[in-house]
């Protein structure tokens, strides 16, 4: 996979970003040296040409293609809960779009799950049914006060981390509450998650404890990976995690500005990235993913893009700039997921949408 990385104005702009406490999307667009200077059109216009939107641009061989986005939430009236009534919400007050999507996950059944920190409950899109939407966990024993992470297992069960209630809430494939794991004795701030189908273990990132908690099928703590530090195998405010078909872990070690690759037992393999001002560096690392070719994806909220590395940690390609409306325009992107069909889902927080892409290139 070939890529020409132009750095004409990268260093000067990045110095400003690294010294500033406020990271501006427009500056990120300059940092990434976008070749597009025209203002993005309405989303409706973008969707008409979505299959022509690829990266890198011709004449290079396309590797990533834009598929569309998920924005609107159409919830039937009966979804209004007792909690909504008690809070005085009327039908017109119900959410009609994503608010602040933080993490996203898709399963083999065509469902896309969005943990939106601005919505009480898990937003579920059904791609096989005209993107029909549901909200799970809006009330009852499985209520989700602040959903942050989401994943699923091979049986169709869905796991959602609720950072406010310091627990993992489990639903079956129909959205019915099954159980809850954890609590304040186990978690301080549960965030991203990944499920190992071979070992039936759930890997939960605890951001404030700087570790990964591994739970068995019954929700008991099997073992802990990592502690606070900068050495290999240690973490500094990790956020999200992905897992490949062989069980290897890919951890967004955010404040160490790197993606760490670990064996299923936590043994360190390698890492990529560092804090810096060059393409391939990180400043505000958020989401992480891995495709069937073992390409590693990393979302950076400051640089407003996702970067793609090979399994040796070499940068192959980056996609995205700051902005709104058009494909690949991001405003503080966060979590991501790459599914078994190599479709790429990015939680585009301040644009209040999930952007969908796919990897279409050969493995190189």
Protein backbone atom coordinates (compact mmCIF):
# COMPACT_ATOMS: atom_id res chain seq x y z
CA UNK A 1 0.00 0.00 0.00
CA UNK A 2 1.74 3.14 -1.22
CA UNK A 3 1.24 6.60 0.17
CA UNK A 4 2.95 9.91 -0.49
CA UNK A 5 3.04 11.83 2.81
CA UNK A 6 3.27 15.57 2.21
CA UNK A 7 4.58 17.50 5.25
CA UNK A 8 4.93 21.00 3.86
CA UNK A 9 3.18 22.74 6.74
CA UNK A 10 2.85 19.93 9.27
CA UNK A 11 5.59 20.95 11.70
CA UNK A 12 4.59 24.57 12.21
CA UNK A 13 0.90 23.81 12.68
CA UNK A 14 1.53 20.83 14.95
CA UNK A 15 3.72 22.91 17.28
CA UNK A 16 0.72 25.16 17.83
CA UNK A 17 -1.50 22.15 18.50
CA UNK A 18 0.91 20.60 20.95
CA UNK A 19 1.21 23.81 22.98
CA UNK A 20 -2.48 24.66 22.96
CA UNK A 21 -5.04 23.47 25.46
CA UNK A 22 -7.82 23.93 22.92
CA UNK A 23 -7.59 21.73 19.83
CA UNK A 24 -9.35 23.32 16.91
CA UNK A 25 -10.79 21.22 14.11
CA UNK A 26 -9.78 23.72 11.45
CA UNK A 27 -6.15 23.57 12.52
CA UNK A 28 -6.33 19.79 12.35
CA UNK A 29 -7.49 20.06 8.76
CA UNK A 30 -4.38 22.10 7.93
CA UNK A 31 -2.21 19.66 9.82
CA UNK A 32 -3.39 16.78 7.68
CA UNK A 33 -2.66 18.69 4.47
CA UNK A 34 -5.97 18.09 2.80
CA UNK A 35 -6.12 18.54 -0.95
CA UNK A 36 -9.77 19.58 -0.86
CA UNK A 37 -10.38 23.31 -0.42
CA UNK A 38 -14.09 23.41 -1.28
CA UNK A 39 -16.74 23.60 1.39
CA UNK A 40 -18.59 20.30 2.01
CA UNK A 41 -22.12 20.09 0.65
CA UNK A 42 -25.20 18.83 2.45
CA UNK A 43 -25.18 15.24 3.64
CA UNK A 44 -27.90 14.39 1.11
CA UNK A 45 -25.59 15.41 -1.74
CA UNK A 46 -22.73 13.44 -0.26
CA UNK A 47 -24.76 10.26 -0.16
CA UNK A 48 -25.49 10.47 -3.89
CA UNK A 49 -21.79 10.11 -4.70
CA UNK A 50 -20.77 7.94 -1.76
CA UNK A 51 -19.43 5.07 -3.88
CA UNK A 52 -17.10 7.47 -5.70
CA UNK A 53 -15.49 8.61 -2.46
CA UNK A 54 -12.27 6.70 -1.93
CA UNK A 55 -8.82 7.05 -0.38
CA UNK A 56 -6.17 7.56 -1.63
CA UNK A 57 -7.27 9.70 -4.55
CA UNK A 58 -6.78 8.59 -8.17
CA UNK A 59 -4.54 7.66 -9.83
CA UNK A 60 -3.49 5.74 -6.72
CA UNK A 61 -5.19 2.38 -6.15
CA UNK A 62 -8.19 2.92 -3.84
CA UNK A 63 -7.96 1.22 -0.46
CA UNK A 64 -10.77 2.77 1.58
CA UNK A 65 -14.29 3.51 0.32
CA UNK A 66 -17.00 5.56 2.03
CA UNK A 67 -20.30 3.72 2.52
CA UNK A 68 -22.57 6.24 4.24
CA UNK A 69 -23.48 7.38 7.71
CA UNK A 70 -25.93 6.74 10.52
CA UNK A 71 -27.58 9.79 12.06
CA UNK A 72 -31.34 9.68 12.53
CA UNK A 73 -33.11 7.85 15.34
CA UNK A 74 -36.76 6.96 14.72
CA UNK A 75 -38.16 5.56 17.97
CA UNK A 76 -41.83 4.49 18.18
CA UNK A 77 -44.00 6.23 20.79
CA UNK A 78 -44.13 3.13 23.00
CA UNK A 79 -40.39 3.46 23.60
CA UNK A 80 -41.06 6.44 25.90
CA UNK A 81 -40.24 5.14 29.37
CA UNK A 82 -41.52 5.90 32.86
CA UNK A 83 -38.23 7.70 33.48
CA UNK A 84 -39.01 10.04 30.59
CA UNK A 85 -42.44 10.78 32.03
CA UNK A 86 -41.00 11.50 35.47
CA UNK A 87 -38.49 13.88 33.92
CA UNK A 88 -41.29 15.69 32.14
CA UNK A 89 -40.25 14.74 28.64
CA UNK A 90 -42.89 14.96 25.93
CA UNK A 91 -43.01 13.13 22.64
CA UNK A 92 -41.44 16.11 20.89
CA UNK A 93 -38.54 16.04 23.37
CA UNK A 94 -37.47 12.52 22.45
CA UNK A 95 -34.16 12.18 20.66
CA UNK A 96 -34.34 12.16 16.87
CA UNK A 97 -30.62 11.92 16.18
CA UNK A 98 -27.41 10.86 17.79
CA UNK A 99 -26.18 13.29 20.46
CA UNK A 100 -22.54 12.48 21.26
CA UNK A 101 -21.66 9.00 19.99
CA UNK A 102 -18.55 7.70 21.68
CA UNK A 103 -18.19 4.04 20.69
CA UNK A 104 -19.63 1.81 17.98
CA UNK A 105 -19.76 -1.93 17.31
CA UNK A 106 -21.33 -4.07 14.60
CA UNK A 107 -22.21 -7.77 14.76
CA UNK A 108 -22.70 -10.56 12.24
CA UNK A 109 -26.48 -10.04 12.28
CA UNK A 110 -26.42 -6.62 10.66
CA UNK A 111 -26.90 -4.68 13.90
CA UNK A 112 -24.83 -1.59 14.69
CA UNK A 113 -24.65 -0.61 18.37
CA UNK A 114 -23.82 2.94 19.40
CA UNK A 115 -22.84 3.92 22.93
CA UNK A 116 -23.82 7.59 22.99
CA UNK A 117 -22.84 9.42 26.18
CA UNK A 118 -25.58 11.97 25.54
CA UNK A 119 -28.39 9.40 25.44
CA UNK A 120 -29.70 7.17 28.23
CA UNK A 121 -29.59 3.75 26.62
CA UNK A 122 -27.84 1.94 23.77
CA UNK A 123 -28.81 3.01 20.25
CA UNK A 124 -29.25 0.03 17.90
CA UNK A 125 -29.41 0.35 14.11
CA UNK A 126 -30.55 -2.59 11.97
CA UNK A 127 -28.74 -2.34 8.63
CA UNK A 128 -30.81 -5.22 7.24
CA UNK A 129 -34.09 -3.42 8.00
CA UNK A 130 -33.71 0.08 6.50
CA UNK A 131 -31.60 1.19 9.48
CA UNK A 132 -34.55 0.73 11.85
CA UNK A 133 -33.57 1.95 15.30
CA UNK A 134 -34.18 0.85 18.86
CA UNK A 135 -32.92 2.01 22.23
CA UNK A 136 -32.00 -0.67 24.76
CA UNK A 137 -31.45 -0.02 28.45
CA UNK A 138 -33.56 3.13 28.70
CA UNK A 139 -35.02 1.96 32.01
CA UNK A 140 -35.40 -0.93 34.45
CA UNK A 141 -32.62 -3.04 35.94
CA UNK A 142 -30.57 -2.71 32.75
CA UNK A 143 -30.69 1.08 32.58
CA UNK A 144 -27.63 2.68 31.04
CA UNK A 145 -26.88 6.06 32.58
CA UNK A 146 -23.70 6.80 30.62
CA UNK A 147 -22.86 4.12 28.05
CA UNK A 148 -19.23 4.26 26.93
CA UNK A 149 -18.19 0.92 25.42
CA UNK A 150 -20.02 -1.85 23.56
CA UNK A 151 -19.21 -5.27 22.12
CA UNK A 152 -20.93 -8.62 21.47
CA UNK A 153 -20.22 -12.34 21.69
CA UNK A 154 -20.77 -15.22 19.28
CA UNK A 155 -24.19 -15.99 20.83
CA UNK A 156 -25.50 -12.53 20.06
CA UNK A 157 -25.31 -11.19 23.60
CA UNK A 158 -24.36 -7.51 23.80
CA UNK A 159 -22.16 -6.01 26.52
CA UNK A 160 -22.29 -2.30 27.38
CA UNK A 161 -20.00 -0.49 29.81
CA UNK A 162 -21.78 2.11 31.94
CA UNK A 163 -19.12 4.42 33.34
CA UNK A 164 -21.49 6.20 35.72
CA UNK A 165 -22.75 3.00 37.33
CA UNK A 166 -19.32 1.31 37.09
CA UNK A 167 -20.70 -1.89 35.62
CA UNK A 168 -21.12 -3.96 32.47
CA UNK A 169 -24.73 -4.49 31.40
CA UNK A 170 -25.57 -7.54 29.27
CA UNK A 171 -28.52 -7.85 26.87
CA UNK A 172 -29.57 -10.77 24.69
CA UNK A 173 -29.92 -10.41 20.92
CA UNK A 174 -33.47 -9.10 21.34
CA UNK A 175 -32.46 -6.33 23.71
CA UNK A 176 -33.70 -7.97 26.89
CA UNK A 177 -31.65 -7.39 30.04
CA UNK A 178 -29.77 -10.53 31.16
CA UNK A 179 -27.27 -9.58 33.84
CA UNK A 180 -24.73 -7.01 35.03
CA UNK A 181 -21.07 -7.51 35.95
CA UNK A 182 -18.63 -5.53 37.99
CA UNK A 183 -19.58 -2.67 40.28
CA UNK A 184 -17.39 -0.22 42.17
CA UNK A 185 -15.35 -3.02 43.75
CA UNK A 186 -14.20 -4.09 40.27
CA UNK A 187 -14.28 -1.00 38.05
CA UNK A 188 -13.55 2.65 38.44
CA UNK A 189 -14.20 3.79 34.87
CA UNK A 190 -15.01 0.92 32.50
CA UNK A 191 -14.65 2.00 28.87
CA UNK A 192 -13.82 0.05 25.69
CA UNK A 193 -14.37 -3.70 25.47
CA UNK A 194 -13.59 -6.68 23.25
CA UNK A 195 -14.75 -10.30 23.40
CA UNK A 196 -12.49 -13.31 22.75
CA UNK A 197 -14.75 -15.94 21.20
CA UNK A 198 -12.19 -18.74 21.54
CA UNK A 199 -11.60 -18.33 25.27
CA UNK A 200 -15.01 -16.75 26.02
CA UNK A 201 -13.36 -13.94 27.92
CA UNK A 202 -14.47 -10.32 28.02
CA UNK A 203 -11.66 -7.74 28.03
CA UNK A 204 -12.68 -4.46 29.66
CA UNK A 205 -10.50 -1.34 29.65
CA UNK A 206 -10.61 0.54 32.95
CA UNK A 207 -9.32 3.99 32.06
CA UNK A 208 -8.80 5.34 35.57
CA UNK A 209 -7.18 2.15 36.88
CA UNK A 210 -4.86 2.03 33.84
CA UNK A 211 -5.55 -1.65 33.25
CA UNK A 212 -7.54 -4.27 31.40
CA UNK A 213 -9.89 -6.41 33.46
CA UNK A 214 -10.54 -9.87 31.99
CA UNK A 215 -13.87 -11.47 32.95
CA UNK A 216 -14.99 -15.07 32.47
CA UNK A 217 -18.38 -16.14 31.13
CA UNK A 218 -19.97 -15.72 34.56
CA UNK A 219 -18.60 -12.24 35.06
CA UNK A 220 -15.87 -13.17 37.51
CA UNK A 221 -12.47 -11.49 37.27
CA UNK A 222 -10.12 -14.01 35.65
CA UNK A 223 -6.98 -11.86 35.55
CA UNK A 224 -5.74 -8.28 35.21
CA UNK A 225 -3.46 -6.91 32.49
CA UNK A 226 -1.22 -3.90 33.08
CA UNK A 227 -0.82 -1.08 35.55
CA UNK A 228 0.00 2.62 35.38
CA UNK A 229 3.35 3.30 33.70
CA UNK A 230 5.22 3.97 30.48
CA UNK A 231 7.08 0.70 29.97
CA UNK A 232 5.84 -1.96 27.53
CA UNK A 233 2.72 -3.65 28.89
CA UNK A 234 1.87 -0.69 31.12
CA UNK A 235 -0.81 1.90 30.41
CA UNK A 236 -1.55 5.57 30.94
CA UNK A 237 -5.29 6.24 30.63
CA UNK A 238 -6.13 3.58 28.03
CA UNK A 239 -9.46 4.10 26.28
CA UNK A 240 -10.40 1.40 23.80
CA UNK A 241 -9.47 -2.11 22.73
CA UNK A 242 -9.84 -4.40 19.71
CA UNK A 243 -9.14 -8.10 19.19
CA UNK A 244 -8.22 -10.07 16.08
CA UNK A 245 -9.22 -13.58 15.02
CA UNK A 246 -6.27 -15.09 16.90
CA UNK A 247 -7.09 -13.28 20.13
CA UNK A 248 -4.36 -10.66 19.98
CA UNK A 249 -5.23 -7.41 21.70
CA UNK A 250 -4.84 -3.88 20.32
CA UNK A 251 -5.06 -1.24 23.03
CA UNK A 252 -5.38 2.52 22.62
CA UNK A 253 -2.87 3.57 25.30
CA UNK A 254 -3.99 7.17 25.03
CA UNK A 255 -1.71 9.19 27.28
CA UNK A 256 1.30 7.10 26.30
CA UNK A 257 0.37 8.11 22.73
CA UNK A 258 0.67 4.59 21.32
CA UNK A 259 -1.24 1.50 20.29
CA UNK A 260 0.03 -1.54 22.18
CA UNK A 261 -0.27 -5.03 20.73
CA UNK A 262 -0.53 -7.82 23.31
CA UNK A 263 -1.09 -11.56 23.37
CA UNK A 264 -4.39 -12.75 24.92
CA UNK A 265 -2.62 -13.27 28.27
CA UNK A 266 -1.25 -9.72 28.21
CA UNK A 267 2.26 -10.50 26.99
CA UNK A 268 3.70 -7.48 25.19
CA UNK A 269 4.32 -7.86 21.43
CA UNK A 270 4.99 -4.38 20.01
CA UNK A 271 3.62 -0.86 19.84
CA UNK A 272 3.27 1.92 17.30
CA UNK A 273 3.01 5.67 17.61
CA UNK A 274 4.40 8.37 19.88
CA UNK A 275 3.48 11.91 20.83
CA UNK A 276 4.56 14.19 18.04
CA UNK A 277 3.84 16.39 15.09
CA UNK A 278 4.36 14.02 12.19
CA UNK A 279 1.93 11.83 10.31
CA UNK A 280 1.86 8.51 12.18
CA UNK A 281 2.20 10.17 15.59
CA UNK A 282 -0.65 10.61 18.05
CA UNK A 283 -1.87 13.42 20.23
CA UNK A 284 -5.37 12.43 21.34
CA UNK A 285 -5.65 8.73 20.60
CA UNK A 286 -9.17 7.30 20.98
CA UNK A 287 -10.46 4.37 18.92
CA UNK A 288 -8.64 1.29 17.70
CA UNK A 289 -9.55 -1.55 15.34
CA UNK A 290 -8.12 -4.42 13.31
CA UNK A 291 -9.31 -5.94 10.02
CA UNK A 292 -9.04 -9.47 8.64
CA UNK A 293 -5.68 -8.63 7.04
CA UNK A 294 -4.33 -7.55 10.44
CA UNK A 295 -4.18 -3.92 9.42
CA UNK A 296 -4.36 -1.82 12.58
CA UNK A 297 -6.57 1.27 12.68
CA UNK A 298 -6.26 4.14 15.15
CA UNK A 299 -8.49 7.21 15.57
CA UNK A 300 -6.96 10.49 16.74
CA UNK A 301 -9.45 13.12 17.93
CA UNK A 302 -6.97 15.98 17.58
CA UNK A 303 -5.75 15.16 14.09
CA UNK A 304 -9.37 14.37 13.06
CA UNK A 305 -8.46 11.20 11.19
CA UNK A 306 -7.91 7.49 11.37
CA UNK A 307 -4.50 6.07 10.56
CA UNK A 308 -3.80 2.58 9.22
CA UNK A 309 -0.70 0.54 10.06
CA UNK A 310 0.51 -2.90 9.01
CA UNK A 311 1.10 -5.58 11.64
CA UNK A 312 4.74 -4.50 11.97
CA UNK A 313 3.58 -1.03 13.01
CA UNK A 314 4.47 0.78 9.76
CA UNK A 315 2.09 3.55 8.66
CA UNK A 316 0.25 2.74 5.42
CA UNK A 317 -2.42 5.38 5.01
CA UNK A 318 -4.41 8.05 6.85
CA UNK A 319 -7.97 9.14 6.16
CA UNK A 320 -9.76 12.27 7.30
CA UNK A 321 -9.59 15.97 8.08
CA UNK A 322 -11.50 18.31 10.37
CA UNK A 323 -14.91 19.46 9.17
CA UNK A 324 -18.52 18.36 8.72
CA UNK A 325 -20.97 17.14 6.10
CA UNK A 326 -18.67 15.48 3.61
CA UNK A 327 -17.28 11.94 3.93
CA UNK A 328 -14.07 11.80 5.91
CA UNK A 329 -14.71 15.13 7.63
CA UNK A 330 -14.53 14.60 11.39
CA UNK A 331 -15.21 16.65 14.50
CA UNK A 332 -13.60 14.96 17.53
CA UNK A 333 -13.91 11.34 16.34
CA UNK A 334 -13.71 8.76 19.12
CA UNK A 335 -14.37 5.01 19.15
CA UNK A 336 -14.31 2.77 16.12
CA UNK A 337 -14.92 -0.82 15.06
CA UNK A 338 -13.80 -2.92 12.09
CA UNK A 339 -16.07 -5.91 11.54
CA UNK A 340 -15.44 -9.29 9.91
CA UNK A 341 -16.43 -7.88 6.51
CA UNK A 342 -13.75 -5.16 6.87
CA UNK A 343 -16.37 -2.45 7.23
CA UNK A 344 -15.09 0.45 9.31
CA UNK A 345 -17.37 2.34 11.70
CA UNK A 346 -16.22 5.64 13.26
CA UNK A 347 -18.06 7.52 16.02
CA UNK A 348 -17.91 11.11 14.76
CA UNK A 349 -18.86 12.79 18.04
CA UNK A 350 -19.49 16.46 17.34
CA UNK A 351 -20.92 15.73 13.90
CA UNK A 352 -23.40 13.47 15.73
CA UNK A 353 -23.07 10.58 13.33
CA UNK A 354 -21.45 7.24 12.65
CA UNK A 355 -19.39 7.29 9.46
CA UNK A 356 -19.07 3.98 7.62
CA UNK A 357 -16.22 2.95 5.35
CA UNK A 358 -14.76 -0.30 4.07
CA UNK A 359 -11.32 -1.60 3.22
CA UNK A 360 -11.29 -2.59 -0.47
CA UNK A 361 -7.55 -2.96 -1.17
CA UNK A 362 -5.34 -6.00 -1.34
CA UNK A 363 -3.36 -7.09 1.68
CA UNK A 364 0.15 -5.70 1.33
